[in-house]
Amino acid sequence: MLETEHGQFELIKNHKEAFEMKPFNDRYVDYLDKYPYIVGDYSAEMLRLKGFDENQKDTIYDYLMESAVPNAPYFILKRIEKKD
């Protein structure tokens, strides 16, 4: 479990050790609070974050294949608890 500035998350996948706390906290926007799954990937050495709801979680790997740089570092987080 990860304790971030934006709540608690379970790290589901950490491809190429992509997850780093500071870049995640810096790039996170409140709009993502509504999503139970957060995907982060690096493109041009910049972290991109995208939220997925329960109905979309099966499309996460499709999103990574279609939108991320091939073999790019990425991570998948599942929200455990929102920030207060």
N, C-alpha and C. Protein backbone atom coordinates (compact mmCIF):
# COMPACT_ATOMS: atom_id res chain seq x y z
N MET A 1 0.84 -1.18 0.00
CA MET A 1 0.00 0.00 0.00
C MET A 1 0.88 1.24 0.00
N LEU A 2 0.44 2.25 -0.75
CA LEU A 2 1.15 3.52 -0.84
C LEU A 2 0.31 4.62 -0.22
N GLU A 3 0.93 5.41 0.62
CA GLU A 3 0.28 6.58 1.21
C GLU A 3 0.79 7.80 0.45
N THR A 4 -0.10 8.44 -0.33
CA THR A 4 0.29 9.62 -1.10
C THR A 4 -0.42 10.85 -0.56
N GLU A 5 -0.12 12.00 -1.11
CA GLU A 5 -0.83 13.23 -0.74
C GLU A 5 -2.28 13.19 -1.21
N HIS A 6 -2.61 12.23 -2.04
CA HIS A 6 -3.92 12.17 -2.68
C HIS A 6 -4.72 10.93 -2.27
N GLY A 7 -4.29 10.27 -1.24
CA GLY A 7 -4.98 9.10 -0.74
C GLY A 7 -4.08 7.87 -0.71
N GLN A 8 -4.69 6.76 -0.34
CA GLN A 8 -3.97 5.49 -0.27
C GLN A 8 -4.27 4.68 -1.52
N PHE A 9 -3.24 4.05 -2.04
CA PHE A 9 -3.36 3.26 -3.25
C PHE A 9 -2.64 1.93 -3.09
N GLU A 10 -3.13 0.94 -3.81
CA GLU A 10 -2.42 -0.32 -3.97
C GLU A 10 -1.71 -0.26 -5.31
N LEU A 11 -0.43 -0.61 -5.31
CA LEU A 11 0.35 -0.62 -6.54
C LEU A 11 0.11 -1.96 -7.23
N ILE A 12 -0.69 -1.95 -8.29
CA ILE A 12 -1.06 -3.18 -9.00
C ILE A 12 0.06 -3.64 -9.92
N LYS A 13 0.65 -2.69 -10.65
CA LYS A 13 1.71 -2.99 -11.61
C LYS A 13 2.70 -1.85 -11.59
N ASN A 14 3.99 -2.19 -11.62
CA ASN A 14 5.05 -1.18 -11.61
C ASN A 14 6.09 -1.57 -12.66
N HIS A 15 5.71 -1.45 -13.93
CA HIS A 15 6.57 -1.85 -15.04
C HIS A 15 7.79 -0.95 -15.12
N LYS A 16 8.96 -1.55 -15.07
CA LYS A 16 10.24 -0.83 -15.12
C LYS A 16 10.40 0.15 -13.97
N GLU A 17 9.84 -0.20 -12.80
CA GLU A 17 9.97 0.64 -11.60
C GLU A 17 9.55 2.09 -11.89
N ALA A 18 8.44 2.25 -12.58
CA ALA A 18 7.99 3.57 -13.03
C ALA A 18 7.47 4.46 -11.91
N PHE A 19 6.89 3.86 -10.86
CA PHE A 19 6.26 4.70 -9.84
C PHE A 19 7.30 5.39 -8.98
N GLU A 20 7.17 6.71 -8.90
CA GLU A 20 7.96 7.53 -7.99
C GLU A 20 7.00 8.50 -7.32
N MET A 21 7.10 8.62 -6.02
CA MET A 21 6.13 9.39 -5.24
C MET A 21 6.10 10.88 -5.63
N LYS A 22 7.24 11.53 -5.72
CA LYS A 22 7.25 12.97 -5.97
C LYS A 22 6.64 13.34 -7.32
N PRO A 23 7.05 12.71 -8.42
CA PRO A 23 6.39 13.05 -9.70
C PRO A 23 4.89 12.76 -9.68
N PHE A 24 4.48 11.67 -9.01
CA PHE A 24 3.05 11.37 -8.92
C PHE A 24 2.32 12.48 -8.19
N ASN A 25 2.80 12.87 -7.02
CA ASN A 25 2.16 13.93 -6.24
C ASN A 25 2.16 15.26 -6.99
N ASP A 26 3.23 15.54 -7.72
CA ASP A 26 3.33 16.80 -8.47
C ASP A 26 2.37 16.86 -9.66
N ARG A 27 2.17 15.75 -10.35
CA ARG A 27 1.35 15.72 -11.57
C ARG A 27 -0.13 15.46 -11.31
N TYR A 28 -0.45 14.93 -10.15
CA TYR A 28 -1.83 14.57 -9.83
C TYR A 28 -2.70 15.82 -9.80
N VAL A 29 -3.89 15.71 -10.38
CA VAL A 29 -4.87 16.80 -10.34
C VAL A 29 -6.14 16.28 -9.67
N ASP A 30 -6.86 17.15 -8.99
CA ASP A 30 -8.05 16.75 -8.23
C ASP A 30 -9.10 16.04 -9.08
N TYR A 31 -9.11 16.31 -10.37
CA TYR A 31 -10.06 15.66 -11.28
C TYR A 31 -9.96 14.13 -11.19
N LEU A 32 -8.78 13.63 -10.88
CA LEU A 32 -8.56 12.18 -10.80
C LEU A 32 -9.17 11.55 -9.56
N ASP A 33 -9.63 12.37 -8.61
CA ASP A 33 -10.20 11.84 -7.36
C ASP A 33 -11.38 10.90 -7.60
N LYS A 34 -12.10 11.10 -8.68
CA LYS A 34 -13.30 10.29 -8.93
C LYS A 34 -13.00 8.90 -9.48
N TYR A 35 -11.76 8.63 -9.84
CA TYR A 35 -11.42 7.35 -10.45
C TYR A 35 -10.79 6.38 -9.45
N PRO A 36 -11.23 5.13 -9.46
CA PRO A 36 -10.62 4.13 -8.57
C PRO A 36 -9.30 3.58 -9.11
N TYR A 37 -9.02 3.76 -10.39
CA TYR A 37 -7.76 3.29 -10.98
C TYR A 37 -7.05 4.46 -11.63
N ILE A 38 -5.76 4.57 -11.37
CA ILE A 38 -4.93 5.60 -11.96
C ILE A 38 -3.78 4.91 -12.68
N VAL A 39 -3.58 5.27 -13.94
CA VAL A 39 -2.48 4.74 -14.73
C VAL A 39 -1.52 5.87 -15.01
N GLY A 40 -0.25 5.62 -14.78
CA GLY A 40 0.79 6.59 -15.08
C GLY A 40 1.77 5.99 -16.06
N ASP A 41 2.13 6.76 -17.09
CA ASP A 41 3.16 6.30 -18.02
C ASP A 41 4.05 7.47 -18.38
N TYR A 42 5.24 7.14 -18.83
CA TYR A 42 6.21 8.17 -19.18
C TYR A 42 6.32 8.28 -20.69
N SER A 43 6.10 9.48 -21.19
CA SER A 43 6.25 9.78 -22.60
C SER A 43 7.13 11.02 -22.69
N ALA A 44 8.19 10.95 -23.47
CA ALA A 44 9.16 12.05 -23.58
C ALA A 44 9.63 12.46 -22.19
N GLU A 45 9.85 11.48 -21.34
CA GLU A 45 10.34 11.66 -19.97
C GLU A 45 9.41 12.51 -19.11
N MET A 46 8.13 12.58 -19.49
CA MET A 46 7.13 13.29 -18.70
C MET A 46 6.05 12.31 -18.27
N LEU A 47 5.68 12.37 -17.00
CA LEU A 47 4.65 11.49 -16.47
C LEU A 47 3.27 11.96 -16.93
N ARG A 48 2.50 11.01 -17.48
CA ARG A 48 1.12 11.26 -17.85
C ARG A 48 0.25 10.40 -16.95
N LEU A 49 -0.83 10.98 -16.44
CA LEU A 49 -1.76 10.25 -15.57
C LEU A 49 -3.13 10.20 -16.23
N LYS A 50 -3.78 9.05 -16.11
CA LYS A 50 -5.13 8.89 -16.65
C LYS A 50 -5.93 8.05 -15.66
N GLY A 51 -7.18 8.43 -15.45
CA GLY A 51 -8.05 7.71 -14.55
C GLY A 51 -8.98 6.76 -15.28
N PHE A 52 -9.33 5.67 -14.60
CA PHE A 52 -10.25 4.67 -15.14
C PHE A 52 -11.25 4.31 -14.05
N ASP A 53 -12.51 4.13 -14.43
CA ASP A 53 -13.50 3.68 -13.46
C ASP A 53 -13.62 2.16 -13.51
N GLU A 54 -14.48 1.60 -12.67
CA GLU A 54 -14.63 0.14 -12.59
C GLU A 54 -15.02 -0.47 -13.93
N ASN A 55 -15.86 0.22 -14.69
CA ASN A 55 -16.30 -0.31 -15.98
C ASN A 55 -15.22 -0.26 -17.05
N GLN A 56 -14.21 0.57 -16.84
CA GLN A 56 -13.14 0.74 -17.83
C GLN A 56 -11.87 -0.02 -17.49
N LYS A 57 -11.80 -0.60 -16.31
CA LYS A 57 -10.53 -1.18 -15.86
C LYS A 57 -10.00 -2.26 -16.80
N ASP A 58 -10.90 -2.95 -17.50
CA ASP A 58 -10.45 -3.98 -18.44
C ASP A 58 -9.81 -3.39 -19.69
N THR A 59 -9.92 -2.08 -19.88
CA THR A 59 -9.33 -1.45 -21.07
C THR A 59 -7.98 -0.79 -20.77
N ILE A 60 -7.49 -0.93 -19.56
CA ILE A 60 -6.22 -0.27 -19.20
C ILE A 60 -5.08 -0.73 -20.10
N TYR A 61 -4.95 -2.04 -20.32
CA TYR A 61 -3.84 -2.51 -21.15
C TYR A 61 -4.02 -2.10 -22.61
N ASP A 62 -5.27 -2.01 -23.08
CA ASP A 62 -5.52 -1.49 -24.43
C ASP A 62 -5.05 -0.04 -24.53
N TYR A 63 -5.38 0.75 -23.52
CA TYR A 63 -4.94 2.15 -23.49
C TYR A 63 -3.42 2.23 -23.56
N LEU A 64 -2.73 1.41 -22.78
CA LEU A 64 -1.27 1.44 -22.77
C LEU A 64 -0.69 1.04 -24.13
N MET A 65 -1.30 0.05 -24.77
CA MET A 65 -0.82 -0.40 -26.08
C MET A 65 -1.05 0.67 -27.15
N GLU A 66 -2.16 1.38 -27.05
CA GLU A 66 -2.53 2.35 -28.08
C GLU A 66 -1.96 3.75 -27.84
N SER A 67 -1.81 4.13 -26.58
CA SER A 67 -1.47 5.52 -26.28
C SER A 67 -0.07 5.75 -25.71
N ALA A 68 0.52 4.72 -25.15
CA ALA A 68 1.84 4.89 -24.54
C ALA A 68 2.93 4.53 -25.54
N VAL A 69 4.10 5.07 -25.30
CA VAL A 69 5.26 4.71 -26.10
C VAL A 69 5.54 3.22 -25.87
N PRO A 70 5.82 2.46 -26.94
CA PRO A 70 6.07 1.02 -26.76
C PRO A 70 7.15 0.75 -25.71
N ASN A 71 6.83 -0.16 -24.81
CA ASN A 71 7.73 -0.60 -23.74
C ASN A 71 8.10 0.53 -22.78
N ALA A 72 7.28 1.56 -22.70
CA ALA A 72 7.54 2.68 -21.79
C ALA A 72 7.30 2.24 -20.35
N PRO A 73 7.97 2.86 -19.41
CA PRO A 73 7.69 2.60 -18.00
C PRO A 73 6.26 3.05 -17.67
N TYR A 74 5.55 2.25 -16.90
CA TYR A 74 4.20 2.62 -16.49
C TYR A 74 3.86 1.97 -15.16
N PHE A 75 2.81 2.49 -14.52
CA PHE A 75 2.31 1.89 -13.29
C PHE A 75 0.79 1.96 -13.28
N ILE A 76 0.19 1.06 -12.51
CA ILE A 76 -1.26 1.03 -12.32
C ILE A 76 -1.52 1.04 -10.82
N LEU A 77 -2.33 1.99 -10.37
CA LEU A 77 -2.70 2.11 -8.97
C LEU A 77 -4.19 1.86 -8.81
N LYS A 78 -4.56 1.22 -7.70
CA LYS A 78 -5.96 1.07 -7.33
C LYS A 78 -6.17 1.85 -6.05
N ARG A 79 -7.16 2.73 -6.07
CA ARG A 79 -7.44 3.57 -4.90
C ARG A 79 -8.00 2.72 -3.76
N ILE A 80 -7.43 2.88 -2.59
CA ILE A 80 -7.91 2.21 -1.39
C ILE A 80 -8.77 3.19 -0.58
N GLU A 81 -8.26 4.41 -0.48
CA GLU A 81 -8.94 5.43 0.32
C GLU A 81 -8.61 6.80 -0.23
N LYS A 82 -9.62 7.66 -0.34
CA LYS A 82 -9.40 9.03 -0.81
C LYS A 82 -8.83 9.89 0.29
N LYS A 83 -8.19 10.98 -0.12
CA LYS A 83 -7.71 11.95 0.87
C LYS A 83 -8.90 12.58 1.56
N ASP A 84 -8.69 13.06 2.76
CA ASP A 84 -9.77 13.74 3.49
C ASP A 84 -9.80 15.21 3.21
